[in-house]
Protein backbone atom coordinates (compact mmCIF):
# COMPACT_ATOMS: atom_id res chain seq x y z
CA UNK A 1 12.27 -23.16 11.79
CA UNK A 2 13.15 -23.32 8.08
CA UNK A 3 11.59 -20.91 5.58
CA UNK A 4 10.08 -23.76 3.52
CA UNK A 5 8.32 -25.07 6.61
CA UNK A 6 7.03 -21.59 7.46
CA UNK A 7 5.68 -21.07 3.94
CA UNK A 8 3.97 -24.48 4.06
CA UNK A 9 2.29 -23.63 7.35
CA UNK A 10 1.16 -20.24 6.07
CA UNK A 11 -0.46 -21.76 2.96
CA UNK A 12 -2.20 -24.53 4.90
CA UNK A 13 -6.00 -24.42 5.05
CA UNK A 14 -7.75 -23.82 8.34
CA UNK A 15 -4.89 -21.94 9.96
CA UNK A 16 -6.11 -19.51 12.63
CA UNK A 17 -5.13 -15.80 12.72
CA UNK A 18 -3.40 -16.34 16.09
CA UNK A 19 -1.28 -19.16 14.65
CA UNK A 20 -0.48 -17.01 11.61
CA UNK A 21 0.70 -14.19 13.91
CA UNK A 22 2.96 -16.61 15.82
CA UNK A 23 4.42 -17.85 12.52
CA UNK A 24 4.92 -14.24 11.37
CA UNK A 25 6.78 -13.38 14.58
CA UNK A 26 9.06 -16.38 14.09
CA UNK A 27 9.74 -15.30 10.51
CA UNK A 28 10.38 -11.71 11.57
CA UNK A 29 12.86 -12.77 14.24
CA UNK A 30 14.74 -14.99 11.80
CA UNK A 31 15.04 -12.36 9.04
CA UNK A 32 15.36 -8.98 10.76
CA UNK A 33 19.18 -9.14 10.70
CA UNK A 34 19.36 -9.69 6.93
CA UNK A 35 17.25 -6.88 5.49
CA UNK A 36 20.08 -5.05 3.68
CA UNK A 37 20.69 -7.63 0.89
CA UNK A 38 16.94 -8.10 0.45
CA UNK A 39 16.45 -4.34 0.30
CA UNK A 40 19.11 -4.08 -2.41
CA UNK A 41 17.35 -6.76 -4.44
CA UNK A 42 13.90 -5.20 -4.02
CA UNK A 43 15.08 -1.72 -5.01
CA UNK A 44 16.76 -3.16 -8.10
CA UNK A 45 13.56 -4.99 -9.06
CA UNK A 46 11.49 -1.85 -8.59
CA UNK A 47 13.83 0.06 -10.90
CA UNK A 48 13.70 -2.61 -13.61
CA UNK A 49 9.95 -3.22 -13.27
CA UNK A 50 8.12 0.10 -12.76
CA UNK A 51 4.41 0.02 -12.08
CA UNK A 52 1.99 1.35 -14.71
CA UNK A 53 0.79 4.90 -14.96
CA UNK A 54 -2.81 5.25 -13.77
CA UNK A 55 -4.80 7.94 -15.59
CA UNK A 56 -7.46 10.03 -13.89
CA UNK A 57 -10.89 8.49 -14.50
CA UNK A 58 -13.73 10.59 -15.85
CA UNK A 59 -13.61 14.24 -14.88
CA UNK A 60 -11.30 13.72 -11.91
CA UNK A 61 -8.19 15.88 -12.33
CA UNK A 62 -6.54 15.84 -8.92
CA UNK A 63 -3.28 13.90 -8.55
CA UNK A 64 -0.94 13.72 -5.56
CA UNK A 65 2.50 12.23 -5.03
CA UNK A 66 4.29 10.99 -1.91
CA UNK A 67 7.93 10.08 -1.29
CA UNK A 68 8.93 6.91 0.53
CA UNK A 69 12.40 8.00 1.68
CA UNK A 70 14.83 5.33 2.86
CA UNK A 71 18.12 5.85 4.65
CA UNK A 72 20.58 3.40 6.20
CA UNK A 73 21.52 4.23 9.77
CA UNK A 74 25.00 2.91 10.64
CA UNK A 75 25.45 0.73 13.69
CA UNK A 76 27.77 1.83 16.46
CA UNK A 77 30.38 -0.79 15.61
CA UNK A 78 30.42 0.12 11.89
CA UNK A 79 30.11 3.91 12.07
CA UNK A 80 31.66 5.66 9.02
CA UNK A 81 34.88 7.39 10.02
CA UNK A 82 36.02 9.18 6.89
CA UNK A 83 34.60 11.62 4.35
CA UNK A 84 34.95 9.18 1.48
CA UNK A 85 32.35 6.77 2.88
CA UNK A 86 29.94 9.64 3.57
CA UNK A 87 30.52 11.38 0.26
CA UNK A 88 28.21 11.50 -2.71
CA UNK A 89 28.12 8.64 -5.16
CA UNK A 90 29.02 9.50 -8.76
CA UNK A 91 25.80 10.89 -10.23
CA UNK A 92 26.85 9.98 -13.77
CA UNK A 93 26.42 6.29 -12.95
CA UNK A 94 23.13 4.64 -13.85
CA UNK A 95 20.74 3.73 -11.04
CA UNK A 96 21.87 0.11 -10.93
CA UNK A 97 25.50 1.17 -10.60
CA UNK A 98 24.74 3.69 -7.87
CA UNK A 99 22.76 1.09 -5.93
CA UNK A 100 25.61 -1.41 -6.24
CA UNK A 101 28.21 1.12 -5.06
CA UNK A 102 26.04 2.20 -2.14
CA UNK A 103 25.23 -1.29 -0.87
CA UNK A 104 28.89 -2.34 -1.21
CA UNK A 105 29.92 0.06 1.57
CA UNK A 106 30.74 -1.78 4.83
CA UNK A 107 28.70 0.58 7.02
CA UNK A 108 25.70 0.06 4.75
CA UNK A 109 26.00 -3.72 4.81
CA UNK A 110 25.81 -3.67 8.62
CA UNK A 111 23.37 -0.75 8.87
CA UNK A 112 19.73 -0.45 9.79
CA UNK A 113 17.40 0.70 6.97
CA UNK A 114 14.80 3.28 8.02
CA UNK A 115 11.80 5.09 6.50
CA UNK A 116 10.85 8.73 7.07
CA UNK A 117 7.33 9.56 8.25
CA UNK A 118 5.71 12.90 8.95
CA UNK A 119 2.97 13.85 11.38
CA UNK A 120 0.62 16.37 9.84
CA UNK A 121 0.05 19.61 11.72
CA UNK A 122 -3.37 20.30 13.22
CA UNK A 123 -5.40 22.43 10.82
CA UNK A 124 -9.10 23.14 11.10
CA UNK A 125 -11.09 21.46 8.36
CA UNK A 126 -8.18 19.28 7.15
CA UNK A 127 -9.21 15.63 6.85
CA UNK A 128 -5.54 14.59 7.26
CA UNK A 129 -4.67 16.66 10.35
CA UNK A 130 -2.58 14.80 12.92
CA UNK A 131 -2.20 11.79 10.62
CA UNK A 132 1.04 9.88 10.14
CA UNK A 133 1.93 10.10 6.47
CA UNK A 134 4.71 10.19 3.90
CA UNK A 135 6.06 13.54 2.66
CA UNK A 136 4.19 14.73 -0.39
CA UNK A 137 1.18 16.58 -1.68
CA UNK A 138 -0.87 17.68 -4.64
CA UNK A 139 0.67 17.90 -8.09
CA UNK A 140 0.83 21.45 -9.43
CA UNK A 141 0.51 22.43 -13.11
CA UNK A 142 4.19 23.45 -13.22
CA UNK A 143 5.38 19.99 -12.14
CA UNK A 144 6.91 18.03 -15.01
CA UNK A 145 5.42 14.73 -13.82
CA UNK A 146 4.19 12.91 -10.72
CA UNK A 147 7.72 12.17 -9.51
CA UNK A 148 8.66 15.84 -9.80
CA UNK A 149 5.68 16.66 -7.57
CA UNK A 150 6.99 14.27 -4.91
CA UNK A 151 10.46 15.87 -5.04
CA UNK A 152 9.06 19.42 -4.81
CA UNK A 153 6.60 18.67 -2.00
CA UNK A 154 9.27 16.89 0.05
CA UNK A 155 11.61 19.87 -0.26
CA UNK A 156 8.85 22.29 0.74
CA UNK A 157 7.53 20.24 3.67
CA UNK A 158 10.66 18.84 5.33
CA UNK A 159 13.58 20.44 3.48
CA UNK A 160 15.09 17.19 2.18
CA UNK A 161 16.67 17.45 -1.27
CA UNK A 162 15.77 14.44 -3.43
CA UNK A 163 17.67 15.62 -6.50
CA UNK A 164 20.04 13.12 -8.18
CA UNK A 165 23.04 14.61 -6.35
CA UNK A 166 21.53 13.77 -2.97
CA UNK A 167 19.29 10.71 -3.49
CA UNK A 168 18.73 7.77 -5.78
CA UNK A 169 15.31 7.76 -7.44
CA UNK A 170 14.62 4.05 -7.34
CA UNK A 171 11.15 3.69 -8.80
CA UNK A 172 7.51 3.73 -7.88
CA UNK A 173 4.85 1.76 -6.06
CA UNK A 174 1.35 1.09 -7.40
CA UNK A 175 -0.62 4.20 -8.19
CA UNK A 176 -4.20 4.09 -6.94
CA UNK A 177 -7.49 5.92 -7.03
CA UNK A 178 -8.23 7.20 -3.53
CA UNK A 179 -11.91 7.23 -2.62
CA UNK A 180 -13.98 8.12 0.40
CA UNK A 181 -17.52 7.33 1.60
CA UNK A 182 -16.68 3.64 1.28
CA UNK A 183 -15.70 3.84 -2.38
CA UNK A 184 -18.50 6.14 -3.56
CA UNK A 185 -16.64 9.46 -3.90
CA UNK A 186 -13.32 9.66 -5.82
CA UNK A 187 -10.75 12.05 -4.34
CA UNK A 188 -7.52 11.77 -6.30
CA UNK A 189 -4.90 9.52 -7.88
CA UNK A 190 -2.09 8.85 -5.41
CA UNK A 191 1.39 8.19 -6.82
CA UNK A 192 4.07 6.83 -4.40
CA UNK A 193 7.78 7.04 -5.32
CA UNK A 194 10.80 5.53 -3.57
CA UNK A 195 14.03 7.44 -2.92
CA UNK A 196 17.22 6.19 -1.26
CA UNK A 197 19.51 8.68 0.49
CA UNK A 198 23.01 7.74 -0.63
CA UNK A 199 24.82 8.90 2.49
CA UNK A 200 24.14 8.93 6.21
CA UNK A 201 24.74 12.60 6.97
CA UNK A 202 22.10 14.77 5.31
CA UNK A 203 21.30 18.46 5.63
CA UNK A 204 19.15 19.42 8.63
CA UNK A 205 15.43 19.14 8.03
CA UNK A 206 13.38 22.31 7.65
CA UNK A 207 9.81 21.62 8.76
CA UNK A 208 7.01 23.75 7.32
CA UNK A 209 4.98 24.89 10.38
CA UNK A 210 1.62 25.02 8.60
CA UNK A 211 1.98 21.47 7.29
CA UNK A 212 4.27 19.39 9.52
CA UNK A 213 4.21 18.88 13.28
CA UNK A 214 7.09 16.37 13.42
CA UNK A 215 9.13 13.87 11.42
CA UNK A 216 10.18 10.38 12.48
CA UNK A 217 12.76 7.90 11.17
CA UNK A 218 11.43 4.38 11.81
CA UNK A 219 13.46 1.17 11.22
CA UNK A 220 12.08 -1.23 8.64
CA UNK A 221 12.47 -4.09 11.12
CA UNK A 222 10.04 -2.30 13.44
CA UNK A 223 7.51 -1.92 10.64
CA UNK A 224 7.82 -5.65 9.91
CA UNK A 225 7.42 -6.69 13.56
CA UNK A 226 3.97 -8.27 14.18
CA UNK A 227 4.19 -7.36 17.88
CA UNK A 228 3.69 -3.69 16.93
CA UNK A 229 0.40 -4.33 15.11
CA UNK A 230 -2.54 -2.64 16.79
CA UNK A 231 -5.83 -0.83 16.01
CA UNK A 232 -6.81 2.74 15.24
CA UNK A 233 -10.27 3.74 16.51
CA UNK A 234 -12.24 6.25 14.44
CA UNK A 235 -15.63 7.83 15.03
CA UNK A 236 -17.56 7.28 11.77
CA UNK A 237 -21.00 8.31 13.04
CA UNK A 238 -20.81 11.57 11.08
CA UNK A 239 -20.44 9.59 7.84
CA UNK A 240 -23.62 7.66 8.51
CA UNK A 241 -25.54 10.68 9.83
CA UNK A 242 -24.03 13.02 7.19
CA UNK A 243 -23.76 15.71 9.85
CA UNK A 244 -21.10 16.70 12.36
CA UNK A 245 -23.50 17.61 15.13
CA UNK A 246 -27.02 16.70 16.17
CA UNK A 247 -29.02 13.99 17.88
CA UNK A 248 -28.84 11.68 14.88
CA UNK A 249 -25.08 11.59 15.04
CA UNK A 250 -25.05 11.10 18.81
CA UNK A 251 -27.49 8.19 18.51
CA UNK A 252 -25.41 6.56 15.77
CA UNK A 253 -22.23 7.05 17.76
CA UNK A 254 -23.81 5.29 20.72
CA UNK A 255 -25.06 2.41 18.55
CA UNK A 256 -21.98 2.00 16.34
CA UNK A 257 -19.15 2.70 18.75
CA UNK A 258 -15.89 3.22 16.85
CA UNK A 259 -14.71 1.73 13.59
CA UNK A 260 -11.43 -0.13 14.03
CA UNK A 261 -8.65 -0.02 11.43
CA UNK A 262 -5.48 -2.08 11.32
CA UNK A 263 -2.45 -0.01 12.41
CA UNK A 264 1.26 -0.19 13.26
CA UNK A 265 2.65 1.45 16.39
CA UNK A 266 5.73 3.36 15.25
CA UNK A 267 8.97 3.11 17.21
CA UNK A 268 11.19 5.92 15.85
CA UNK A 269 14.96 5.89 16.13
CA UNK A 270 15.04 9.66 15.62
CA UNK A 271 12.36 12.35 15.78
CA UNK A 272 12.32 16.06 14.97
CA UNK A 273 9.59 18.42 16.18
CA UNK A 274 8.56 21.75 14.67
CA UNK A 275 9.10 24.17 17.55
CA UNK A 276 7.25 27.05 15.90
CA UNK A 277 3.80 25.44 15.86
CA UNK A 278 1.23 26.56 18.46
CA UNK A 279 1.24 24.42 21.59
CA UNK A 280 4.80 23.15 21.21
CA UNK A 281 5.51 24.50 24.71
CA UNK A 282 2.47 23.79 26.95
CA UNK A 283 0.93 27.02 28.20
CA UNK A 284 -1.27 25.41 30.89
CA UNK A 285 0.24 26.02 34.34
CA UNK A 286 0.90 23.08 36.60
CA UNK A 287 -1.48 22.61 39.51
CA UNK A 288 -0.23 21.04 42.71
CA UNK A 289 -2.06 19.02 45.32
CA UNK A 290 -5.39 17.23 45.09
CA UNK A 291 -6.93 19.75 42.68
CA UNK A 292 -4.04 19.30 40.31
CA UNK A 293 -4.49 15.53 40.35
CA UNK A 294 -8.25 15.83 39.73
CA UNK A 295 -7.70 18.31 36.91
CA UNK A 296 -5.14 16.05 35.22
CA UNK A 297 -7.65 13.20 35.27
CA UNK A 298 -10.55 15.24 33.94
CA UNK A 299 -8.48 17.22 31.44
CA UNK A 300 -5.37 15.26 30.47
CA UNK A 301 -2.65 17.34 28.89
CA UNK A 302 -1.06 15.84 25.82
CA UNK A 303 2.27 17.32 24.95
CA UNK A 304 4.64 16.19 22.27
CA UNK A 305 6.39 13.66 24.53
CA UNK A 306 3.44 12.25 26.48
CA UNK A 307 0.73 12.25 23.82
CA UNK A 308 -0.95 9.42 22.03
CA UNK A 309 1.29 6.84 20.34
CA UNK A 310 2.27 7.33 16.71
CA UNK A 311 0.00 5.03 14.72
CA UNK A 312 0.48 4.28 11.04
CA UNK A 313 -2.86 3.35 9.50
CA UNK A 314 -5.20 3.98 6.60
CA UNK A 315 -3.94 5.05 3.22
CA UNK A 316 -0.28 5.39 4.26
CA UNK A 317 -0.30 1.90 5.77
CA UNK A 318 -1.70 0.67 2.47
CA UNK A 319 1.20 2.23 0.56
CA UNK A 320 3.71 0.77 3.04
CA UNK A 321 2.07 -2.65 2.83
CA UNK A 322 2.87 -2.77 -0.88
CA UNK A 323 6.52 -2.23 -0.06
CA UNK A 324 6.82 -4.27 3.15
CA UNK A 325 5.35 -7.36 1.53
CA UNK A 326 8.31 -7.43 -0.84
CA UNK A 327 10.67 -7.91 2.11
CA UNK A 328 11.09 -11.00 4.29
CA UNK A 329 9.02 -12.51 5.80
CA UNK A 330 6.63 -11.47 2.97
CA UNK A 331 3.62 -11.39 5.29
CA UNK A 332 2.49 -7.76 5.33
CA UNK A 333 -0.72 -8.48 3.44
CA UNK A 334 -1.51 -11.49 5.63
CA UNK A 335 -1.13 -9.28 8.72
CA UNK A 336 -3.47 -6.64 7.29
CA UNK A 337 -6.95 -7.01 8.81
CA UNK A 338 -10.23 -5.78 7.39
CA UNK A 339 -11.95 -2.97 9.32
CA UNK A 340 -14.52 -3.79 11.98
CA UNK A 341 -16.39 -2.05 14.82
CA UNK A 342 -15.72 -1.88 18.55
CA UNK A 343 -19.07 -3.13 20.00
CA UNK A 344 -18.72 -6.89 20.62
CA UNK A 345 -22.07 -7.82 19.03
CA UNK A 346 -21.32 -5.90 15.81
CA UNK A 347 -17.79 -7.26 15.74
CA UNK A 348 -19.04 -10.82 16.18
CA UNK A 349 -21.71 -10.48 13.48
CA UNK A 350 -19.20 -9.01 10.99
CA UNK A 351 -16.80 -11.85 11.75
CA UNK A 352 -19.50 -14.50 11.22
CA UNK A 353 -20.85 -13.00 8.01
CA UNK A 354 -17.42 -12.22 6.50
CA UNK A 355 -15.49 -15.31 7.65
CA UNK A 356 -15.78 -17.24 4.40
CA UNK A 357 -15.43 -14.08 2.33
CA UNK A 358 -12.12 -12.99 3.91
CA UNK A 359 -10.67 -16.51 3.75
CA UNK A 360 -11.45 -16.76 0.06
CA UNK A 361 -9.96 -13.32 -0.65
CA UNK A 362 -6.70 -14.13 1.13
CA UNK A 363 -6.59 -17.50 -0.64
CA UNK A 364 -6.92 -15.71 -3.98
CA UNK A 365 -4.03 -13.42 -3.14
CA UNK A 366 -1.84 -16.34 -2.04
CA UNK A 367 -2.83 -18.26 -5.15
CA UNK A 368 -1.65 -15.45 -7.40
CA UNK A 369 1.91 -16.16 -6.28
CA UNK A 370 1.80 -19.39 -8.23
CA UNK A 371 0.96 -17.60 -11.50
CA UNK A 372 2.49 -14.77 -13.52
CA UNK A 373 6.09 -16.02 -13.13
CA UNK A 374 8.91 -13.70 -14.17
CA UNK A 375 9.61 -13.68 -17.88
CA UNK A 376 13.33 -14.26 -17.46
CA UNK A 377 14.35 -11.07 -19.22
CA UNK A 378 15.33 -7.75 -17.72
CA UNK A 379 13.00 -5.03 -19.03
CA UNK A 380 14.03 -1.41 -19.07
CA UNK A 381 12.58 1.34 -16.94
CA UNK A 382 10.00 2.22 -19.58
CA UNK A 383 8.52 -1.26 -19.85
CA UNK A 384 5.05 -1.82 -18.55
CA UNK A 385 4.17 1.88 -18.36
CA UNK A 386 0.79 1.43 -19.97
CA UNK A 387 -2.57 2.76 -18.91
CA UNK A 388 -5.00 0.21 -17.56
CA UNK A 389 -7.95 -0.27 -15.25
CA UNK A 390 -7.73 2.08 -12.29
CA UNK A 391 -6.87 0.25 -9.04
CA UNK A 392 -8.99 1.64 -6.22
CA UNK A 393 -8.18 2.17 -2.55
CA UNK A 394 -10.21 3.84 0.16
CA UNK A 395 -8.52 6.26 2.54
CA UNK A 396 -8.51 3.42 5.07
CA UNK A 397 -7.16 0.78 2.70
CA UNK A 398 -4.19 -0.42 0.69
CA UNK A 399 -3.31 -1.12 -2.90
CA UNK A 400 -0.89 -3.85 -3.84
CA UNK A 401 0.92 -4.91 -7.00
CA UNK A 402 4.13 -6.37 -5.70
CA UNK A 403 7.20 -8.46 -6.25
CA UNK A 404 7.46 -11.34 -3.85
CA UNK A 405 9.89 -14.19 -4.02
CA UNK A 406 10.74 -13.42 -7.67
CA UNK A 407 7.11 -13.45 -8.79
CA UNK A 408 4.99 -10.45 -9.64
CA UNK A 409 1.34 -10.14 -8.77
CA UNK A 410 -1.01 -9.05 -11.55
CA UNK A 411 -1.51 -5.32 -11.78
CA UNK A 412 -4.62 -5.09 -9.61
CA UNK A 413 -5.07 -3.38 -6.30
CA UNK A 414 -5.18 -5.71 -3.33
CA UNK A 415 -7.62 -3.44 -1.54
CA UNK A 416 -10.13 -3.75 -4.35
CA UNK A 417 -9.80 -7.51 -4.05
CA UNK A 418 -9.76 -7.74 -0.25
CA UNK A 419 -12.50 -5.18 0.27
CA UNK A 420 -14.56 -5.63 -2.88
CA UNK A 421 -17.95 -6.51 -1.45
CA UNK A 422 -16.70 -6.35 2.16
CA UNK A 423 -18.50 -3.12 3.04
CA UNK A 424 -21.73 -4.61 1.71
CA UNK A 425 -21.23 -7.36 4.26
CA UNK A 426 -20.64 -4.74 6.95
CA UNK A 427 -23.90 -2.99 6.11
CA UNK A 428 -25.82 -6.28 6.25
CA UNK A 429 -24.10 -7.17 9.53
CA UNK A 430 -25.05 -3.79 11.02
CA UNK A 431 -28.66 -4.29 9.93
CA UNK A 432 -28.81 -7.78 11.44
CA UNK A 433 -27.20 -6.54 14.66
CA UNK A 434 -29.62 -3.65 15.04
CA UNK A 435 -32.59 -5.94 14.38
CA UNK A 436 -31.19 -8.32 16.96
CA UNK A 437 -30.78 -5.53 19.49
CA UNK A 438 -34.34 -4.34 18.87
CA UNK A 439 -35.64 -7.88 19.22
CA UNK A 440 -33.84 -8.38 22.53
CA UNK A 441 -35.15 -5.06 23.88
CA UNK A 442 -38.69 -5.88 22.72
CA UNK A 443 -38.50 -9.33 24.27
CA UNK A 444 -37.18 -7.90 27.54
CA UNK A 445 -39.97 -5.31 27.68
CA UNK A 446 -42.55 -8.01 26.92
CA UNK A 447 -41.25 -10.26 29.71
CA UNK A 448 -41.20 -7.32 32.14
CA UNK A 449 -44.79 -6.33 31.28
CA UNK A 450 -46.00 -9.92 31.61
CA UNK A 451 -44.24 -10.25 34.96
CA UNK A 452 -45.79 -6.97 36.11
CA UNK A 453 -49.32 -8.09 35.13
CA UNK A 454 -48.89 -11.34 37.01
CA UNK A 455 -47.81 -9.48 40.13
CA UNK A 456 -50.80 -7.13 39.78
CA UNK A 457 -53.16 -10.10 39.81
């Protein structure tokens, strides 16, 4: 199926999500073997067109930076066989020259681009514990800028050197204001930066035990594959009840079920585990026989190999969505789904009440591709670095200001456009659902009482 036909189908009105997923899978299959030239183009565009600096609003001072680290994994047939191909690129070249030299290597042209993810270590009281994320952390006063914070945090957490002698600092992705409590409480400004490792063989990683449980290299083609899209289920009853324990929370958990967030199941090509963290080697003895089988059912043991799947969701998925939508088949935003809840009645009511809203929002995003065409000139790295309205993203969302097909979206966060007003719809849908549930229960009790009176007569 030709790309023009696929784009026409995607922009057609009335297309169902299932049909869109089928189209996306067809696009993914047709483009997964040609990511290298597209990646070269995208990285060059990101260098020439940096995204604006976002200042901290009001009294908020906290800023954090993350590093989206890309490497190219050689294929078996094109494995580098001499030191020259694995050696450093001349660091006195400009970024464009270094990118050109790197992507001209035969093993790179036939390689498989991959992104590095970390799994946060379990720490009591840490809202990010166990999450899949990008290396990075809070900016310290001694950091020269946001990018320097990303370089320092990456070195401290995983031991990867992102200095110019080891990596190419390509550019940045949209900075965003991270909020919680559904946009009511600001947390920090998040600043993502992209780095390309300029050789295949890098120094061994050094994982910080208090921060990192494991690291995982995941191919870009896996991140772009619609078949790996899934859901992350989160218990949000404590947010509504504003307490971690108690009857109020238990009642809300029973009524609400779990909130469902769009996610990607990660398929790593290489993983490294921190062997010094507690629980790396299971200390629960094996039990044989029937009692062992019963115990394993009642108390399943999750070790590092047989645990839950690695799911990329929330804020990190939002950052990756900005980047993935720049690559063929340019459908990462279309595949992103607004949060919902697990109970069927709540899910149905949210779908009914938000159907028109979500269609209009996605239509607005697609319509932006027809405006703001490229100016035709090649700006320098400092162009466009102006302060402007703060794009906002919840910890479950995404922010997007992206290049796509040679056209740049306006500098506004996609999450603020996709989710602006969406949580108000959710609250109304929850209210309608609860009223409906109460009405059904009241009606059932009334019918039962009437039936009982008739039998008594």
